[in-house]
Every structure is written in C-alpha cells, then in structure tokens.
Amino acid sequence: MGISLKTTSGKILASVALVGTAAAVAGMGTYGAFTGTTTRVDEQVTAGTVDIDLTDPGTLSVAVTGLLPGDSVEKFATLKNTGNSNLNTVTLTTAPTVASKLTTETTDGLQLTIESCTVAWTVVAAAEDTCSGVKSTILAKSAIIGSGTALTGLSSVTSGAEDKLKITTSLPSTADDTFQGLTSTIGFTFDATQRTGQVK
C-alpha cells in the first residue's frame, strides 16, 4: 500500500523520507576523502653543562704564618672549565670563616692579587715567582674580602680550557702594631655563569 499525499499525515511522512535519503547521499560524500601522514622523526635535545673546578688546588690551602707588614705569599691553583659550554663570566667570592682586623680593614688589612700563566709558574726562592709563558692579571690588588668580584682575562671561560693561577696574599707595610698575632681564615669560591643564549 502506497503513501497517500492527500492527507496531512501522509505529506509529513513523505517529507521525512525525502530528508533521510538526502542525508544518506551526503554521508557517502564525507567518507570519500584521501588522507596522508609523514613518517615520525624524533629530535633529541641535550642541555649543556656549566662547571668549573679547582682541579689542582695546589698550595692555596697551605697555612701562612709569620706574615709581617710588607710581606707577601704566593700560592698556586689550577682553575679549569670542566663543562661542555663556554662561559660568560667567572666571579670570586672571598669570605672569612674566621675574621679579624686582617680581613675587616680594607686598606691596612690583607690584600689579594691573582694572575694567570699559560704554562706552569716558575718558583723562585725568596723572590717573585715568574711566568715564562703569557701572563695575565685576573684580579688587580684589592682588599682580600669581596663578594661576586668579576675575574677578567681567564682562558677557562672556554670549555675545556684552564688557568694556572698565582694567588698572592700580602700585608701592607702600613699595618701597625694592632695587627700583631691576629689570625684569619678566608674561603675562596669561584662561580661561573653560562654564555649568552644564541641561535644554534
């Protein structure tokens, strides 16, 4: 028996049937598109390392005794860039673990000078030790206590490079009798900062 279009209910049923047929045709078109994809590629990223080390602390930790006004003592240590990145800056912080007038007096108290040599320093008895290579002043003479003092001219800002340091501690000739018998202990801390970020 066919659907009669003469009645209201028959017209509604016919409309629903036509809409259903159109939807079926549209659905057939949607699933007919081609697709494609690339092969997956994995990118490995490894962060660099920033590391410096007193690979050879040398004589820096050897105690100094009997220092008189006008005297100086030369110590040696090797600072090396053991990371795989170049550095922007290296700073030095010297802080007293045992304080006295030797470290609190900035003019008449202990003074510090740091130099670097491209080869091992030549030790000269009772005289200033010498550098037969290229010598650089890393820290000009200043009060021995300082925080975050920038060190200049270091080779160890380059990955794998090192500096053979001569660290000189001196007591100015202006130190008076009030310095007699005083003792101080100074800690040395070197801090490195990575190079400026760049496009690689």
N, C-alpha and C. Protein backbone atom coordinates (compact mmCIF):
# COMPACT_ATOMS: atom_id res chain seq x y z
N MET A 1 0.84 -1.18 0.00
CA MET A 1 0.00 0.00 0.00
C MET A 1 0.88 1.23 0.00
N GLY A 2 0.68 2.22 -0.94
CA GLY A 2 1.49 3.42 -1.06
C GLY A 2 1.05 4.47 -0.07
N ILE A 3 1.89 5.55 0.06
CA ILE A 3 1.58 6.65 0.97
C ILE A 3 0.69 7.63 0.25
N SER A 4 -0.42 7.98 0.84
CA SER A 4 -1.35 8.93 0.25
C SER A 4 -0.90 10.34 0.55
N LEU A 5 -0.76 11.19 -0.49
CA LEU A 5 -0.35 12.57 -0.31
C LEU A 5 -1.53 13.50 -0.11
N LYS A 6 -2.70 12.91 -0.05
CA LYS A 6 -3.89 13.73 0.11
C LYS A 6 -4.16 14.08 1.55
N THR A 7 -3.62 13.33 2.46
CA THR A 7 -3.87 13.62 3.87
C THR A 7 -2.66 14.32 4.46
N THR A 8 -2.88 15.05 5.55
CA THR A 8 -1.79 15.80 6.22
C THR A 8 -0.72 14.86 6.74
N SER A 9 -1.12 13.76 7.36
CA SER A 9 -0.16 12.81 7.90
C SER A 9 0.67 12.19 6.79
N GLY A 10 0.08 11.97 5.65
CA GLY A 10 0.80 11.39 4.52
C GLY A 10 1.86 12.33 3.99
N LYS A 11 1.57 13.65 3.95
CA LYS A 11 2.57 14.64 3.47
C LYS A 11 3.77 14.69 4.41
N ILE A 12 3.54 14.60 5.71
CA ILE A 12 4.63 14.64 6.68
C ILE A 12 5.54 13.43 6.52
N LEU A 13 4.97 12.26 6.37
CA LEU A 13 5.76 11.05 6.19
C LEU A 13 6.60 11.11 4.93
N ALA A 14 6.06 11.65 3.88
CA ALA A 14 6.79 11.76 2.62
C ALA A 14 7.97 12.70 2.77
N SER A 15 7.80 13.81 3.48
CA SER A 15 8.89 14.77 3.70
C SER A 15 10.01 14.13 4.48
N VAL A 16 9.72 13.39 5.52
CA VAL A 16 10.73 12.71 6.33
C VAL A 16 11.51 11.71 5.49
N ALA A 17 10.85 11.00 4.63
CA ALA A 17 11.51 10.02 3.78
C ALA A 17 12.50 10.69 2.84
N LEU A 18 12.13 11.85 2.26
CA LEU A 18 13.00 12.56 1.33
C LEU A 18 14.24 13.11 2.04
N VAL A 19 14.06 13.68 3.27
CA VAL A 19 15.18 14.19 4.04
C VAL A 19 16.14 13.07 4.39
N GLY A 20 15.66 11.92 4.78
CA GLY A 20 16.51 10.78 5.11
C GLY A 20 17.35 10.35 3.93
N THR A 21 16.78 10.36 2.71
CA THR A 21 17.51 9.98 1.50
C THR A 21 18.64 10.96 1.22
N ALA A 22 18.38 12.28 1.40
CA ALA A 22 19.40 13.30 1.16
C ALA A 22 20.56 13.16 2.13
N ALA A 23 20.28 12.87 3.39
CA ALA A 23 21.32 12.71 4.40
C ALA A 23 22.21 11.52 4.08
N ALA A 24 21.62 10.47 3.60
CA ALA A 24 22.40 9.28 3.25
C ALA A 24 23.37 9.58 2.11
N VAL A 25 22.91 10.36 1.12
CA VAL A 25 23.77 10.72 -0.01
C VAL A 25 24.92 11.62 0.46
N ALA A 26 24.63 12.59 1.33
CA ALA A 26 25.67 13.48 1.86
C ALA A 26 26.71 12.71 2.65
N GLY A 27 26.28 11.74 3.44
CA GLY A 27 27.20 10.93 4.22
C GLY A 27 28.15 10.15 3.35
N MET A 28 27.71 9.69 2.22
CA MET A 28 28.57 8.94 1.31
C MET A 28 29.71 9.82 0.79
N GLY A 29 29.45 11.13 0.57
CA GLY A 29 30.47 12.04 0.09
C GLY A 29 31.52 12.34 1.15
N THR A 30 31.18 12.42 2.42
CA THR A 30 32.09 12.74 3.52
C THR A 30 33.18 11.70 3.68
N TYR A 31 32.92 10.46 3.53
CA TYR A 31 33.89 9.39 3.74
C TYR A 31 34.68 9.04 2.49
N GLY A 32 34.61 9.87 1.47
CA GLY A 32 35.32 9.57 0.23
C GLY A 32 36.65 10.31 0.10
N ALA A 33 37.12 11.16 1.16
CA ALA A 33 38.35 11.97 1.03
C ALA A 33 39.60 11.11 1.25
N PHE A 34 40.71 11.48 0.51
CA PHE A 34 42.00 10.82 0.71
C PHE A 34 42.71 11.42 1.92
N THR A 35 43.57 10.66 2.58
CA THR A 35 44.37 11.15 3.72
C THR A 35 45.82 10.72 3.55
N GLY A 36 46.72 11.43 4.28
CA GLY A 36 48.13 11.07 4.24
C GLY A 36 48.81 11.55 5.52
N THR A 37 50.00 11.01 5.84
CA THR A 37 50.74 11.43 7.03
C THR A 37 52.24 11.25 6.77
N THR A 38 53.07 11.98 7.56
CA THR A 38 54.52 11.83 7.42
C THR A 38 55.02 10.75 8.35
N THR A 39 56.23 10.30 8.06
CA THR A 39 56.89 9.38 8.98
C THR A 39 57.37 10.17 10.20
N ARG A 40 57.21 9.67 11.41
CA ARG A 40 57.61 10.37 12.63
C ARG A 40 59.12 10.50 12.71
N VAL A 41 59.59 11.72 13.06
CA VAL A 41 61.01 11.97 13.27
C VAL A 41 61.20 12.43 14.71
N ASP A 42 62.15 11.81 15.44
CA ASP A 42 62.41 12.18 16.83
C ASP A 42 63.62 13.11 16.91
N GLU A 43 63.48 14.25 17.58
CA GLU A 43 64.58 15.17 17.80
C GLU A 43 65.07 15.01 19.24
N GLN A 44 66.34 14.72 19.40
CA GLN A 44 66.92 14.59 20.74
C GLN A 44 67.60 15.90 21.12
N VAL A 45 67.31 16.40 22.31
CA VAL A 45 67.89 17.65 22.80
C VAL A 45 68.58 17.37 24.13
N THR A 46 69.84 17.78 24.24
CA THR A 46 70.60 17.61 25.48
C THR A 46 71.06 18.98 25.97
N ALA A 47 70.80 19.28 27.21
CA ALA A 47 71.21 20.56 27.77
C ALA A 47 72.72 20.56 28.02
N GLY A 48 73.34 21.73 27.88
CA GLY A 48 74.76 21.88 28.13
C GLY A 48 75.04 21.87 29.64
N THR A 49 76.31 21.77 29.98
CA THR A 49 76.70 21.80 31.39
C THR A 49 77.64 22.97 31.64
N VAL A 50 77.44 23.64 32.76
CA VAL A 50 78.30 24.74 33.18
C VAL A 50 78.98 24.29 34.47
N ASP A 51 80.31 24.13 34.40
CA ASP A 51 81.02 23.61 35.57
C ASP A 51 82.47 24.07 35.55
N ILE A 52 82.93 24.60 36.67
CA ILE A 52 84.34 24.94 36.83
C ILE A 52 84.85 24.25 38.07
N ASP A 53 86.16 24.03 38.09
CA ASP A 53 86.71 23.26 39.21
C ASP A 53 88.15 23.66 39.45
N LEU A 54 88.51 23.74 40.72
CA LEU A 54 89.93 23.88 41.07
C LEU A 54 90.52 22.47 41.00
N THR A 55 90.83 22.05 39.75
CA THR A 55 91.29 20.68 39.53
C THR A 55 92.59 20.40 40.29
N ASP A 56 93.35 21.44 40.53
CA ASP A 56 94.57 21.30 41.32
C ASP A 56 94.63 22.47 42.29
N PRO A 57 94.14 22.29 43.51
CA PRO A 57 94.15 23.40 44.46
C PRO A 57 95.54 23.81 44.90
N GLY A 58 96.54 23.03 44.50
CA GLY A 58 97.92 23.37 44.75
C GLY A 58 98.21 23.72 46.20
N THR A 59 98.79 24.91 46.39
CA THR A 59 99.21 25.32 47.73
C THR A 59 98.24 26.30 48.37
N LEU A 60 97.09 26.51 47.74
CA LEU A 60 96.16 27.53 48.25
C LEU A 60 95.71 27.25 49.67
N SER A 61 95.58 25.98 50.02
CA SER A 61 95.08 25.64 51.36
C SER A 61 96.19 25.53 52.42
N VAL A 62 97.43 25.78 52.01
CA VAL A 62 98.54 25.71 52.97
C VAL A 62 98.54 26.97 53.83
N ALA A 63 98.58 26.80 55.15
CA ALA A 63 98.51 27.94 56.07
C ALA A 63 99.73 28.84 55.94
N VAL A 64 99.49 30.13 56.18
CA VAL A 64 100.57 31.13 56.17
C VAL A 64 100.82 31.57 57.61
N THR A 65 102.07 31.58 58.01
CA THR A 65 102.40 32.03 59.36
C THR A 65 103.52 33.07 59.31
N GLY A 66 103.56 33.88 60.35
CA GLY A 66 104.66 34.83 60.49
C GLY A 66 104.66 35.96 59.48
N LEU A 67 103.49 36.31 58.94
CA LEU A 67 103.41 37.39 57.95
C LEU A 67 103.63 38.74 58.63
N LEU A 68 104.55 39.53 58.11
CA LEU A 68 104.87 40.85 58.66
C LEU A 68 104.49 41.94 57.66
N PRO A 69 104.31 43.17 58.11
CA PRO A 69 104.00 44.26 57.17
C PRO A 69 105.02 44.33 56.04
N GLY A 70 104.50 44.40 54.80
CA GLY A 70 105.37 44.41 53.62
C GLY A 70 105.61 43.04 53.02
N ASP A 71 105.22 41.96 53.74
CA ASP A 71 105.40 40.59 53.23
C ASP A 71 104.28 40.22 52.25
N SER A 72 104.57 39.25 51.39
CA SER A 72 103.56 38.66 50.51
C SER A 72 103.84 37.17 50.37
N VAL A 73 102.79 36.42 50.13
CA VAL A 73 102.90 34.97 49.97
C VAL A 73 102.21 34.59 48.67
N GLU A 74 102.89 33.80 47.83
CA GLU A 74 102.34 33.38 46.54
C GLU A 74 101.90 31.91 46.61
N LYS A 75 100.65 31.68 46.22
CA LYS A 75 100.09 30.33 46.20
C LYS A 75 99.67 29.99 44.77
N PHE A 76 99.48 28.70 44.49
CA PHE A 76 99.15 28.28 43.13
C PHE A 76 97.93 27.36 43.13
N ALA A 77 97.11 27.50 42.08
CA ALA A 77 95.95 26.64 41.89
C ALA A 77 95.60 26.64 40.40
N THR A 78 94.97 25.58 39.92
CA THR A 78 94.55 25.50 38.52
C THR A 78 93.03 25.52 38.46
N LEU A 79 92.50 26.49 37.73
CA LEU A 79 91.05 26.62 37.53
C LEU A 79 90.72 26.13 36.13
N LYS A 80 89.83 25.14 36.03
CA LYS A 80 89.52 24.55 34.73
C LYS A 80 88.02 24.55 34.46
N ASN A 81 87.67 24.81 33.20
CA ASN A 81 86.27 24.72 32.75
C ASN A 81 86.02 23.26 32.38
N THR A 82 85.38 22.53 33.27
CA THR A 82 85.14 21.10 33.07
C THR A 82 83.77 20.82 32.45
N GLY A 83 83.00 21.87 32.15
CA GLY A 83 81.71 21.69 31.49
C GLY A 83 81.89 21.63 29.98
N ASN A 84 80.77 21.50 29.25
CA ASN A 84 80.85 21.44 27.79
C ASN A 84 80.35 22.72 27.13
N SER A 85 80.29 23.81 27.92
CA SER A 85 79.82 25.09 27.41
C SER A 85 80.82 26.19 27.75
N ASN A 86 80.88 27.18 26.87
CA ASN A 86 81.67 28.37 27.17
C ASN A 86 80.95 29.18 28.24
N LEU A 87 81.69 30.05 28.89
CA LEU A 87 81.14 30.83 29.99
C LEU A 87 81.08 32.30 29.63
N ASN A 88 80.19 33.01 30.31
CA ASN A 88 80.11 34.46 30.16
C ASN A 88 81.02 35.14 31.17
N THR A 89 80.89 34.74 32.43
CA THR A 89 81.71 35.34 33.49
C THR A 89 82.10 34.29 34.52
N VAL A 90 83.20 34.58 35.19
CA VAL A 90 83.59 33.83 36.39
C VAL A 90 83.83 34.87 37.47
N THR A 91 83.21 34.67 38.62
CA THR A 91 83.38 35.61 39.72
C THR A 91 83.99 34.90 40.92
N LEU A 92 84.58 35.70 41.80
CA LEU A 92 85.21 35.16 43.00
C LEU A 92 84.59 35.79 44.23
N THR A 93 84.23 34.95 45.17
CA THR A 93 83.77 35.43 46.48
C THR A 93 84.75 34.93 47.52
N THR A 94 85.29 35.86 48.29
CA THR A 94 86.19 35.51 49.38
C THR A 94 85.54 35.96 50.68
N ALA A 95 85.34 35.02 51.57
CA ALA A 95 84.63 35.31 52.81
C ALA A 95 85.40 34.73 53.99
N PRO A 96 85.47 35.47 55.09
CA PRO A 96 86.21 34.97 56.25
C PRO A 96 85.40 33.95 57.03
N THR A 97 85.96 32.77 57.23
CA THR A 97 85.34 31.81 58.14
C THR A 97 85.81 32.09 59.56
N VAL A 98 86.98 32.71 59.67
CA VAL A 98 87.47 33.26 60.93
C VAL A 98 87.90 34.69 60.61
N ALA A 99 87.26 35.66 61.24
CA ALA A 99 87.53 37.06 60.91
C ALA A 99 88.40 37.72 61.98
N SER A 100 89.11 38.76 61.55
CA SER A 100 89.89 39.60 62.45
C SER A 100 90.16 40.90 61.71
N LYS A 101 90.92 41.77 62.32
CA LYS A 101 91.27 43.03 61.68
C LYS A 101 92.03 42.79 60.37
N LEU A 102 92.67 41.64 60.24
CA LEU A 102 93.36 41.30 58.99
C LEU A 102 92.42 41.32 57.79
N THR A 103 91.16 40.96 58.02
CA THR A 103 90.20 40.90 56.92
C THR A 103 89.19 42.04 56.94
N THR A 104 88.97 42.67 58.08
CA THR A 104 87.97 43.74 58.15
C THR A 104 88.55 45.09 57.74
N GLU A 105 89.85 45.27 57.85
CA GLU A 105 90.48 46.53 57.44
C GLU A 105 90.79 46.46 55.95
N THR A 106 90.12 47.28 55.16
CA THR A 106 90.28 47.18 53.71
C THR A 106 91.55 47.84 53.17
N THR A 107 92.12 48.80 53.92
CA THR A 107 93.33 49.48 53.45
C THR A 107 94.61 48.88 54.03
N ASP A 108 94.63 48.70 55.34
CA ASP A 108 95.83 48.18 56.00
C ASP A 108 95.78 46.67 56.22
N GLY A 109 94.62 46.06 55.95
CA GLY A 109 94.49 44.61 56.11
C GLY A 109 95.00 43.86 54.89
N LEU A 110 94.78 42.57 54.87
CA LEU A 110 95.29 41.70 53.80
C LEU A 110 94.79 42.12 52.41
N GLN A 111 95.68 42.04 51.45
CA GLN A 111 95.37 42.37 50.06
C GLN A 111 95.53 41.12 49.19
N LEU A 112 94.78 41.08 48.09
CA LEU A 112 94.76 39.90 47.22
C LEU A 112 95.04 40.31 45.78
N THR A 113 95.92 39.56 45.11
CA THR A 113 96.19 39.73 43.69
C THR A 113 96.17 38.36 43.03
N ILE A 114 95.53 38.25 41.85
CA ILE A 114 95.50 36.96 41.14
C ILE A 114 95.99 37.17 39.72
N GLU A 115 96.94 36.32 39.32
CA GLU A 115 97.48 36.34 37.95
C GLU A 115 97.38 34.94 37.35
N SER A 116 97.39 34.89 36.02
CA SER A 116 97.33 33.60 35.32
C SER A 116 98.49 33.49 34.37
N CYS A 117 98.98 32.25 34.18
CA CYS A 117 100.07 31.98 33.24
C CYS A 117 99.64 30.84 32.33
N THR A 118 100.05 30.90 31.07
CA THR A 118 99.68 29.85 30.12
C THR A 118 100.48 28.56 30.34
N VAL A 119 101.54 28.64 31.12
CA VAL A 119 102.32 27.45 31.49
C VAL A 119 102.51 27.46 33.00
N ALA A 120 103.08 26.40 33.52
CA ALA A 120 103.30 26.34 34.96
C ALA A 120 104.23 27.46 35.41
N TRP A 121 103.91 28.03 36.56
CA TRP A 121 104.74 29.10 37.11
C TRP A 121 106.11 28.57 37.52
N THR A 122 107.12 29.41 37.34
CA THR A 122 108.47 29.07 37.78
C THR A 122 108.68 29.62 39.18
N VAL A 123 108.93 28.73 40.13
CA VAL A 123 109.09 29.14 41.52
C VAL A 123 110.51 29.66 41.72
N VAL A 124 110.59 30.87 42.28
CA VAL A 124 111.88 31.50 42.56
C VAL A 124 112.00 31.67 44.07
N ALA A 125 113.01 31.09 44.66
CA ALA A 125 113.18 31.14 46.11
C ALA A 125 113.37 32.58 46.59
N ALA A 126 112.60 32.96 47.61
CA ALA A 126 112.72 34.28 48.26
C ALA A 126 112.59 35.44 47.28
N ALA A 127 111.83 35.23 46.19
CA ALA A 127 111.59 36.30 45.22
C ALA A 127 110.27 36.02 44.50
N GLU A 128 109.85 36.96 43.69
CA GLU A 128 108.58 36.80 42.98
C GLU A 128 108.68 35.68 41.95
N ASP A 129 107.70 34.77 41.98
CA ASP A 129 107.67 33.67 41.01
C ASP A 129 107.35 34.22 39.62
N THR A 130 107.89 33.60 38.59
CA THR A 130 107.79 34.15 37.24
C THR A 130 107.01 33.25 36.29
N CYS A 131 106.56 33.85 35.18
CA CYS A 131 105.82 33.13 34.13
C CYS A 131 106.63 33.20 32.84
N SER A 132 106.99 32.04 32.31
CA SER A 132 107.76 32.01 31.06
C SER A 132 106.84 32.00 29.84
N GLY A 133 105.54 31.90 30.09
CA GLY A 133 104.55 31.96 29.01
C GLY A 133 103.93 33.35 28.95
N VAL A 134 102.62 33.38 28.71
CA VAL A 134 101.88 34.64 28.67
C VAL A 134 101.20 34.85 30.01
N LYS A 135 101.48 35.99 30.63
CA LYS A 135 100.91 36.29 31.95
C LYS A 135 99.77 37.28 31.82
N SER A 136 98.70 37.04 32.59
CA SER A 136 97.55 37.94 32.60
C SER A 136 97.19 38.28 34.04
N THR A 137 96.78 39.53 34.26
CA THR A 137 96.27 39.92 35.57
C THR A 137 94.78 39.62 35.61
N ILE A 138 94.39 38.72 36.50
CA ILE A 138 92.99 38.30 36.61
C ILE A 138 92.24 39.16 37.62
N LEU A 139 92.94 39.54 38.67
CA LEU A 139 92.36 40.41 39.70
C LEU A 139 93.46 41.32 40.21
N ALA A 140 93.29 42.63 39.99
CA ALA A 140 94.28 43.60 40.48
C ALA A 140 94.24 43.65 42.00
N LYS A 141 95.33 44.11 42.60
CA LYS A 141 95.42 44.12 44.06
C LYS A 141 94.24 44.88 44.68
N SER A 142 93.61 44.23 45.64
CA SER A 142 92.45 44.81 46.32
C SER A 142 92.31 44.14 47.68
N ALA A 143 91.40 44.66 48.51
CA ALA A 143 91.14 44.04 49.81
C ALA A 143 90.79 42.57 49.61
N ILE A 144 91.27 41.72 50.50
CA ILE A 144 91.15 40.27 50.29
C ILE A 144 89.70 39.78 50.35
N ILE A 145 88.84 40.49 51.06
CA ILE A 145 87.44 40.07 51.17
C ILE A 145 86.59 40.78 50.11
N GLY A 146 85.83 39.98 49.36
CA GLY A 146 84.96 40.54 48.32
C GLY A 146 83.88 39.55 47.94
N SER A 147 82.78 40.07 47.38
CA SER A 147 81.65 39.21 47.01
C SER A 147 81.33 39.38 45.53
N GLY A 148 81.36 38.28 44.79
CA GLY A 148 80.99 38.31 43.38
C GLY A 148 81.90 39.19 42.54
N THR A 149 83.18 39.20 42.85
CA THR A 149 84.13 40.03 42.11
C THR A 149 84.43 39.40 40.75
N ALA A 150 84.22 40.16 39.68
CA ALA A 150 84.44 39.64 38.33
C ALA A 150 85.93 39.43 38.07
N LEU A 151 86.26 38.27 37.53
CA LEU A 151 87.64 37.96 37.14
C LEU A 151 87.76 38.15 35.63
N THR A 152 88.80 38.85 35.20
CA THR A 152 88.94 39.16 33.78
C THR A 152 90.14 38.43 33.18
N GLY A 153 90.08 38.21 31.86
CA GLY A 153 91.21 37.62 31.16
C GLY A 153 91.41 36.14 31.37
N LEU A 154 90.39 35.43 31.83
CA LEU A 154 90.53 33.99 32.08
C LEU A 154 90.42 33.19 30.78
N SER A 155 91.32 32.23 30.61
CA SER A 155 91.21 31.28 29.50
C SER A 155 90.09 30.28 29.76
N SER A 156 89.81 30.01 31.03
CA SER A 156 88.84 28.97 31.39
C SER A 156 87.40 29.36 31.13
N VAL A 157 87.14 30.52 30.51
CA VAL A 157 85.77 30.79 30.05
C VAL A 157 85.45 29.91 28.84
N THR A 158 86.47 29.33 28.24
CA THR A 158 86.28 28.42 27.10
C THR A 158 86.22 26.98 27.60
N SER A 159 85.26 26.23 27.08
CA SER A 159 85.08 24.84 27.51
C SER A 159 86.37 24.05 27.35
N GLY A 160 86.79 23.37 28.42
CA GLY A 160 87.97 22.53 28.39
C GLY A 160 89.27 23.26 28.68
N ALA A 161 89.24 24.60 28.71
CA ALA A 161 90.47 25.36 28.95
C ALA A 161 90.72 25.54 30.44
N GLU A 162 91.93 25.95 30.80
CA GLU A 162 92.29 26.12 32.20
C GLU A 162 93.20 27.32 32.40
N ASP A 163 93.27 27.76 33.64
CA ASP A 163 94.17 28.85 34.02
C ASP A 163 95.04 28.38 35.16
N LYS A 164 96.33 28.58 35.00
CA LYS A 164 97.27 28.29 36.08
C LYS A 164 97.43 29.58 36.89
N LEU A 165 96.80 29.61 38.05
CA LEU A 165 96.69 30.84 38.82
C LEU A 165 97.81 30.98 39.85
N LYS A 166 98.28 32.21 39.99
CA LYS A 166 99.15 32.58 41.12
C LYS A 166 98.33 33.54 41.98
N ILE A 167 98.09 33.14 43.21
CA ILE A 167 97.25 33.90 44.13
C ILE A 167 98.15 34.47 45.22
N THR A 168 98.28 35.79 45.20
CA THR A 168 99.21 36.45 46.11
C THR A 168 98.45 37.16 47.23
N THR A 169 98.81 36.82 48.45
CA THR A 169 98.26 37.48 49.64
C THR A 169 99.37 38.33 50.26
N SER A 170 99.06 39.59 50.51
CA SER A 170 100.09 40.49 51.04
C SER A 170 99.53 41.31 52.20
N LEU A 171 100.43 41.69 53.10
CA LEU A 171 100.08 42.55 54.22
C LEU A 171 100.79 43.89 54.00
N PRO A 172 100.01 44.96 53.83
CA PRO A 172 100.62 46.26 53.53
C PRO A 172 101.62 46.70 54.59
N SER A 173 102.60 47.47 54.15
CA SER A 173 103.61 47.98 55.08
C SER A 173 103.02 48.99 56.05
N THR A 174 101.78 49.43 55.78
CA THR A 174 101.11 50.39 56.67
C THR A 174 100.43 49.72 57.86
N ALA A 175 100.40 48.39 57.89
CA ALA A 175 99.79 47.68 59.03
C ALA A 175 100.58 48.00 60.29
N ASP A 176 99.88 48.40 61.37
CA ASP A 176 100.58 48.81 62.59
C ASP A 176 100.60 47.69 63.62
N ASP A 177 101.02 48.03 64.83
CA ASP A 177 101.18 47.02 65.89
C ASP A 177 99.88 46.32 66.27
N THR A 178 98.74 46.93 65.96
CA THR A 178 97.47 46.31 66.34
C THR A 178 97.18 45.04 65.54
N PHE A 179 97.96 44.78 64.48
CA PHE A 179 97.77 43.57 63.67
C PHE A 179 98.59 42.39 64.18
N GLN A 180 99.46 42.63 65.13
CA GLN A 180 100.35 41.56 65.59
C GLN A 180 99.57 40.37 66.17
N GLY A 181 99.95 39.16 65.75
CA GLY A 181 99.38 37.94 66.30
C GLY A 181 97.97 37.62 65.87
N LEU A 182 97.36 38.43 64.99
CA LEU A 182 95.97 38.17 64.56
C LEU A 182 95.92 37.00 63.58
N THR A 183 94.78 36.32 63.54
CA THR A 183 94.58 35.19 62.63
C THR A 183 93.25 35.33 61.91
N SER A 184 93.24 35.00 60.64
CA SER A 184 92.00 34.94 59.86
C SER A 184 92.06 33.73 58.94
N THR A 185 90.91 33.18 58.62
CA THR A 185 90.81 32.11 57.63
C THR A 185 89.86 32.59 56.54
N ILE A 186 90.28 32.48 55.29
CA ILE A 186 89.48 33.00 54.17
C ILE A 186 89.11 31.87 53.23
N GLY A 187 87.81 31.78 52.91
CA GLY A 187 87.33 30.79 51.94
C GLY A 187 87.23 31.39 50.55
N PHE A 188 87.69 30.63 49.54
CA PHE A 188 87.64 31.07 48.15
C PHE A 188 86.56 30.27 47.41
N THR A 189 85.62 30.98 46.76
CA THR A 189 84.58 30.32 45.97
C THR A 189 84.52 30.96 44.59
N PHE A 190 84.71 30.14 43.55
CA PHE A 190 84.62 30.62 42.17
C PHE A 190 83.25 30.21 41.61
N ASP A 191 82.55 31.17 40.99
CA ASP A 191 81.23 30.91 40.41
C ASP A 191 81.23 31.24 38.93
N ALA A 192 80.62 30.36 38.13
CA ALA A 192 80.57 30.55 36.67
C ALA A 192 79.15 30.85 36.22
N THR A 193 79.04 31.69 35.19
CA THR A 193 77.76 31.99 34.56
C THR A 193 77.84 31.59 33.10
N GLN A 194 76.79 30.96 32.61
CA GLN A 194 76.79 30.49 31.22
C GLN A 194 76.94 31.65 30.23
N ARG A 195 77.38 31.31 29.04
CA ARG A 195 77.45 32.30 27.97
C ARG A 195 76.05 32.81 27.63
N THR A 196 75.98 33.92 26.89
CA THR A 196 74.70 34.47 26.46
C THR A 196 74.02 33.49 25.51
N GLY A 197 72.70 33.33 25.66
CA GLY A 197 71.96 32.43 24.79
C GLY A 197 72.08 32.84 23.32
N GLN A 198 72.08 31.87 22.42
CA GLN A 198 72.26 32.17 21.00
C GLN A 198 71.44 31.19 20.14
N VAL A 199 71.26 31.57 18.89
CA VAL A 199 70.57 30.69 17.95
C VAL A 199 71.56 29.63 17.49
N LYS A 200 71.20 28.37 17.60
CA LYS A 200 72.12 27.28 17.22
C LYS A 200 71.61 26.57 15.98
